[in-house]
Amino acid sequence: MVILKALSKREMSGYSIMMHVEEKTGKKPSTGSVYPILEDMLKIQFVSVKRDGRRKLYKLTLLGKKHLEEFMKQKDDMMKNLVNHIRMCACLCSKNGKTRGVLEEMEGKLNSIK
């Protein structure tokens, strides 16, 4: 999803995608992992590619955008459900101040991820 999200902002070369993934995750992906993913995305028409001299520029297609939007909505729904479960646990644990504090801290961290 990191790749789809990056391509939703602009066209990128494979190398630019690798640098973006490293920036977002803290780990540099190998060419042996990024290019097969891009090829798979081409096959299922989530991305398109065009030549710019020697470089290939990858771009998100409408189908790729739709898939990314659906994924992000599912992620948001899942996070909302998780926060609601934490709130319920906090209510159940309201007599134990320490537990409630930990649960409230977790809720705050989850909200910052959104």
Protein backbone atom coordinates (compact mmCIF):
# COMPACT_ATOMS: atom_id res chain seq x y z
CA MET A 1 0.00 0.00 0.00
CA VAL A 2 2.97 2.31 0.53
CA ILE A 3 3.65 2.14 -3.21
CA LEU A 4 0.04 2.79 -4.21
CA LYS A 5 -0.17 5.69 -1.79
CA ALA A 6 3.06 7.20 -3.17
CA LEU A 7 1.84 6.85 -6.76
CA SER A 8 -1.45 8.53 -5.85
CA LYS A 9 0.51 11.76 -5.43
CA ARG A 10 2.66 11.69 -8.59
CA GLU A 11 4.34 9.58 -11.25
CA MET A 12 7.50 7.93 -9.97
CA SER A 13 10.39 5.87 -11.29
CA GLY A 14 11.21 2.54 -9.69
CA TYR A 15 14.21 4.12 -7.97
CA SER A 16 12.07 6.98 -6.61
CA ILE A 17 9.59 4.43 -5.29
CA MET A 18 12.40 2.57 -3.52
CA MET A 19 13.61 5.80 -1.90
CA HIS A 20 10.06 6.66 -0.83
CA VAL A 21 9.54 3.23 0.74
CA GLU A 22 12.82 3.60 2.61
CA GLU A 23 11.80 7.05 3.86
CA LYS A 24 8.41 5.80 5.08
CA THR A 25 9.50 2.47 6.59
CA GLY A 26 13.12 3.05 7.55
CA LYS A 27 14.17 0.02 5.49
CA LYS A 28 15.56 0.12 1.97
CA PRO A 29 13.77 -2.38 -0.25
CA SER A 30 15.74 -4.32 -2.82
CA THR A 31 15.15 -3.98 -6.54
CA GLY A 32 14.28 -7.68 -6.41
CA SER A 33 11.26 -6.88 -4.26
CA VAL A 34 10.03 -3.57 -5.72
CA TYR A 35 10.10 -4.36 -9.44
CA PRO A 36 8.16 -7.66 -9.15
CA ILE A 37 5.50 -5.80 -7.14
CA LEU A 38 5.31 -3.13 -9.85
CA GLU A 39 5.02 -5.84 -12.52
CA ASP A 40 2.19 -7.49 -10.57
CA MET A 41 0.45 -4.11 -10.25
CA LEU A 42 0.81 -3.63 -14.01
CA LYS A 43 -0.78 -7.04 -14.66
CA ILE A 44 -3.81 -6.25 -12.49
CA GLN A 45 -3.95 -2.72 -13.95
CA PHE A 46 -3.42 -0.83 -10.69
CA VAL A 47 -0.56 1.09 -12.34
CA SER A 48 0.45 2.09 -15.84
CA VAL A 49 3.95 2.78 -17.10
CA LYS A 50 5.50 5.10 -19.66
CA ARG A 51 9.05 5.63 -20.81
CA ASP A 52 10.94 8.82 -20.05
CA GLY A 53 14.25 8.29 -21.79
CA ARG A 54 15.82 5.29 -20.06
CA ARG A 55 13.51 5.53 -17.06
CA LYS A 56 10.10 3.99 -16.61
CA LEU A 57 7.58 6.21 -14.85
CA TYR A 58 4.79 4.44 -12.98
CA LYS A 59 1.39 6.06 -12.50
CA LEU A 60 -1.65 4.98 -10.52
CA THR A 61 -4.64 4.05 -12.72
CA LEU A 62 -8.30 4.70 -11.91
CA LEU A 63 -8.60 1.06 -10.82
CA GLY A 64 -5.56 1.49 -8.57
CA LYS A 65 -7.04 4.67 -7.07
CA LYS A 66 -10.32 2.88 -6.39
CA HIS A 67 -8.50 0.00 -4.71
CA LEU A 68 -6.44 2.40 -2.59
CA GLU A 69 -9.55 4.34 -1.53
CA GLU A 70 -11.32 1.10 -0.54
CA PHE A 71 -8.28 -0.05 1.43
CA MET A 72 -7.98 3.29 3.24
CA LYS A 73 -11.68 3.23 4.13
CA GLN A 74 -11.33 -0.31 5.52
CA LYS A 75 -8.27 0.78 7.49
CA ASP A 76 -10.13 3.79 8.91
CA ASP A 77 -13.13 1.61 9.83
CA MET A 78 -10.84 -0.90 11.53
CA MET A 79 -9.09 1.85 13.50
CA LYS A 80 -12.45 3.31 14.61
CA ASN A 81 -13.57 -0.14 15.77
CA LEU A 82 -10.31 -0.65 17.64
CA VAL A 83 -10.64 2.73 19.37
CA ASN A 84 -14.24 1.90 20.32
CA HIS A 85 -13.11 -1.43 21.81
CA ILE A 86 -10.41 0.34 23.81
CA ARG A 87 -13.02 2.81 25.11
CA MET A 88 -15.26 -0.08 26.18
CA CYS A 89 -12.34 -1.73 27.97
CA ALA A 90 -11.51 1.57 29.65
CA CYS A 91 -15.10 1.85 30.91
CA LEU A 92 -15.00 -1.72 32.21
CA CYS A 93 -11.67 -1.04 33.92
CA SER A 94 -12.67 2.35 35.31
CA LYS A 95 -12.15 1.14 38.88
CA ASN A 96 -8.51 0.38 38.16
CA GLY A 97 -6.98 3.80 37.46
CA LYS A 98 -3.68 2.42 36.15
CA THR A 99 -5.36 0.16 33.59
CA ARG A 100 -7.67 2.96 32.50
CA GLY A 101 -4.70 5.29 32.03
CA VAL A 102 -2.89 2.75 29.86
CA LEU A 103 -6.00 2.23 27.72
CA GLU A 104 -6.51 5.98 27.31
CA GLU A 105 -2.87 6.33 26.27
CA MET A 106 -3.36 3.56 23.68
CA GLU A 107 -6.43 5.34 22.35
CA GLY A 108 -4.44 8.56 21.96
CA LYS A 109 -1.68 6.79 20.05
CA LEU A 110 -4.17 5.06 17.76
CA ASN A 111 -5.90 8.35 17.03
CA SER A 112 -2.56 9.88 16.05
CA ILE A 113 -2.03 7.10 13.47
CA LYS A 114 -5.18 8.00 11.57
